[in-house]
Amino acid sequence: MVDMRPYSIKVRRSLLQRDLMAGIPATGLLMLATAGIIFLYVLRMFFMIPVLIVAYLIMRYLTSRDPWMIDIMLTTIKEKDFFIP
């Protein structure tokens, strides 16, 4: 058996964590940007600005402890529901 302790190196924390843009994952930011473009520019619904801000804050809160939460929720929504008797 080989002892690997002398060959260990420190790994930077940034290499172990998920990259977050503006505090949320890229998929969540893409969803918010798409919703913002559709509501604000295409449909001219400017009353949706507070709704988009609240959605951003909710996404940021959900991903503060688990950065993969948005992806897990999207995967769960896209799965087919079937039951095996």
C-alpha atoms as a PDB file:
ATOM      1  CA  MET A   1       0.000   0.000   0.000  1.00  0.00           C
ATOM      2  CA  VAL A   2       1.322   3.404  -0.973  1.00  0.00           C
ATOM      3  CA  ASP A   3       1.098   6.372   1.352  1.00  0.00           C
ATOM      4  CA  MET A   4      -0.186   9.363  -0.661  1.00  0.00           C
ATOM      5  CA  ARG A   5       0.046  11.969   2.110  1.00  0.00           C
ATOM      6  CA  PRO A   6       3.382  13.447   1.004  1.00  0.00           C
ATOM      7  CA  TYR A   7       1.931  14.049  -2.486  1.00  0.00           C
ATOM      8  CA  SER A   8      -1.176  15.906  -1.425  1.00  0.00           C
ATOM      9  CA  ILE A   9      -1.651  19.517  -2.462  1.00  0.00           C
ATOM     10  CA  LYS A  10      -4.116  22.139  -1.371  1.00  0.00           C
ATOM     11  CA  VAL A  11      -7.059  22.672  -3.689  1.00  0.00           C
ATOM     12  CA  ARG A  12      -8.469  26.163  -3.901  1.00  0.00           C
ATOM     13  CA  ARG A  13     -11.982  26.553  -2.614  1.00  0.00           C
ATOM     14  CA  SER A  14     -13.086  28.213  -5.851  1.00  0.00           C
ATOM     15  CA  LEU A  15     -12.325  24.994  -7.753  1.00  0.00           C
ATOM     16  CA  LEU A  16     -14.641  23.002  -5.497  1.00  0.00           C
ATOM     17  CA  GLN A  17     -17.607  25.386  -5.554  1.00  0.00           C
ATOM     18  CA  ARG A  18     -20.128  26.038  -8.285  1.00  0.00           C
ATOM     19  CA  ASP A  19     -19.847  29.254 -10.272  1.00  0.00           C
ATOM     20  CA  LEU A  20     -22.661  31.657  -9.466  1.00  0.00           C
ATOM     21  CA  MET A  21     -23.451  34.792 -11.438  1.00  0.00           C
ATOM     22  CA  ALA A  22     -25.054  37.550  -9.366  1.00  0.00           C
ATOM     23  CA  GLY A  23     -25.470  35.012  -6.558  1.00  0.00           C
ATOM     24  CA  ILE A  24     -27.593  32.561  -8.552  1.00  0.00           C
ATOM     25  CA  PRO A  25     -26.733  29.829 -11.081  1.00  0.00           C
ATOM     26  CA  ALA A  26     -26.509  30.671 -14.768  1.00  0.00           C
ATOM     27  CA  THR A  27     -29.746  28.803 -15.546  1.00  0.00           C
ATOM     28  CA  GLY A  28     -31.688  30.887 -13.038  1.00  0.00           C
ATOM     29  CA  LEU A  29     -30.171  34.101 -14.346  1.00  0.00           C
ATOM     30  CA  LEU A  30     -31.035  33.046 -17.887  1.00  0.00           C
ATOM     31  CA  MET A  31     -34.646  32.370 -16.868  1.00  0.00           C
ATOM     32  CA  LEU A  32     -34.924  35.783 -15.166  1.00  0.00           C
ATOM     33  CA  ALA A  33     -33.359  37.576 -18.134  1.00  0.00           C
ATOM     34  CA  THR A  34     -35.690  35.813 -20.560  1.00  0.00           C
ATOM     35  CA  ALA A  35     -38.737  36.631 -18.436  1.00  0.00           C
ATOM     36  CA  GLY A  36     -37.563  40.232 -18.130  1.00  0.00           C
ATOM     37  CA  ILE A  37     -37.116  40.606 -21.880  1.00  0.00           C
ATOM     38  CA  ILE A  38     -40.511  39.091 -22.604  1.00  0.00           C
ATOM     39  CA  PHE A  39     -42.437  41.098 -19.998  1.00  0.00           C
ATOM     40  CA  LEU A  40     -40.638  44.433 -20.222  1.00  0.00           C
ATOM     41  CA  TYR A  41     -39.736  44.805 -23.882  1.00  0.00           C
ATOM     42  CA  VAL A  42     -42.159  42.635 -25.802  1.00  0.00           C
ATOM     43  CA  LEU A  43     -45.343  42.938 -23.734  1.00  0.00           C
ATOM     44  CA  ARG A  44     -44.574  46.352 -22.116  1.00  0.00           C
ATOM     45  CA  MET A  45     -45.721  45.127 -18.693  1.00  0.00           C
ATOM     46  CA  PHE A  46     -43.623  47.365 -16.462  1.00  0.00           C
ATOM     47  CA  PHE A  47     -45.566  46.348 -13.353  1.00  0.00           C
ATOM     48  CA  MET A  48     -43.634  43.032 -13.546  1.00  0.00           C
ATOM     49  CA  ILE A  49     -40.417  44.711 -12.343  1.00  0.00           C
ATOM     50  CA  PRO A  50     -41.187  44.061  -8.630  1.00  0.00           C
ATOM     51  CA  VAL A  51     -42.197  40.485  -9.486  1.00  0.00           C
ATOM     52  CA  LEU A  52     -38.857  39.878 -11.221  1.00  0.00           C
ATOM     53  CA  ILE A  53     -36.981  41.393  -8.274  1.00  0.00           C
ATOM     54  CA  VAL A  54     -38.854  39.151  -5.833  1.00  0.00           C
ATOM     55  CA  ALA A  55     -38.152  36.122  -8.055  1.00  0.00           C
ATOM     56  CA  TYR A  56     -34.446  37.019  -8.028  1.00  0.00           C
ATOM     57  CA  LEU A  57     -34.429  37.333  -4.229  1.00  0.00           C
ATOM     58  CA  ILE A  58     -36.204  33.967  -3.868  1.00  0.00           C
ATOM     59  CA  MET A  59     -33.685  32.304  -6.189  1.00  0.00           C
ATOM     60  CA  ARG A  60     -30.809  33.878  -4.290  1.00  0.00           C
ATOM     61  CA  TYR A  61     -32.229  32.656  -0.959  1.00  0.00           C
ATOM     62  CA  LEU A  62     -32.768  29.112  -2.292  1.00  0.00           C
ATOM     63  CA  THR A  63     -29.248  28.891  -3.695  1.00  0.00           C
ATOM     64  CA  SER A  64     -27.511  30.433  -0.686  1.00  0.00           C
ATOM     65  CA  ARG A  65     -27.241  27.037   1.018  1.00  0.00           C
ATOM     66  CA  ASP A  66     -27.410  24.732  -2.007  1.00  0.00           C
ATOM     67  CA  PRO A  67     -26.147  26.134  -5.337  1.00  0.00           C
ATOM     68  CA  TRP A  68     -27.700  23.189  -7.218  1.00  0.00           C
ATOM     69  CA  MET A  69     -31.277  23.863  -5.981  1.00  0.00           C
ATOM     70  CA  ILE A  70     -32.515  25.556  -9.191  1.00  0.00           C
ATOM     71  CA  ASP A  71     -31.177  22.735 -11.383  1.00  0.00           C
ATOM     72  CA  ILE A  72     -32.717  20.102  -9.109  1.00  0.00           C
ATOM     73  CA  MET A  73     -36.090  21.867  -9.270  1.00  0.00           C
ATOM     74  CA  LEU A  74     -35.946  22.110 -13.075  1.00  0.00           C
ATOM     75  CA  THR A  75     -34.985  18.438 -13.394  1.00  0.00           C
ATOM     76  CA  THR A  76     -37.846  17.440 -11.098  1.00  0.00           C
ATOM     77  CA  ILE A  77     -40.322  19.474 -13.153  1.00  0.00           C
ATOM     78  CA  LYS A  78     -39.125  17.975 -16.458  1.00  0.00           C
ATOM     79  CA  GLU A  79     -39.226  14.338 -15.279  1.00  0.00           C
ATOM     80  CA  LYS A  80     -42.066  12.126 -16.424  1.00  0.00           C
ATOM     81  CA  ASP A  81     -44.349  10.999 -13.658  1.00  0.00           C
ATOM     82  CA  PHE A  82     -44.991   7.291 -13.783  1.00  0.00           C
ATOM     83  CA  PHE A  83     -45.825   4.798 -11.119  1.00  0.00           C
ATOM     84  CA  ILE A  84     -44.957   1.141 -11.179  1.00  0.00           C
ATOM     85  CA  PRO A  85     -47.643  -0.922  -9.433  1.00  0.00           C
END
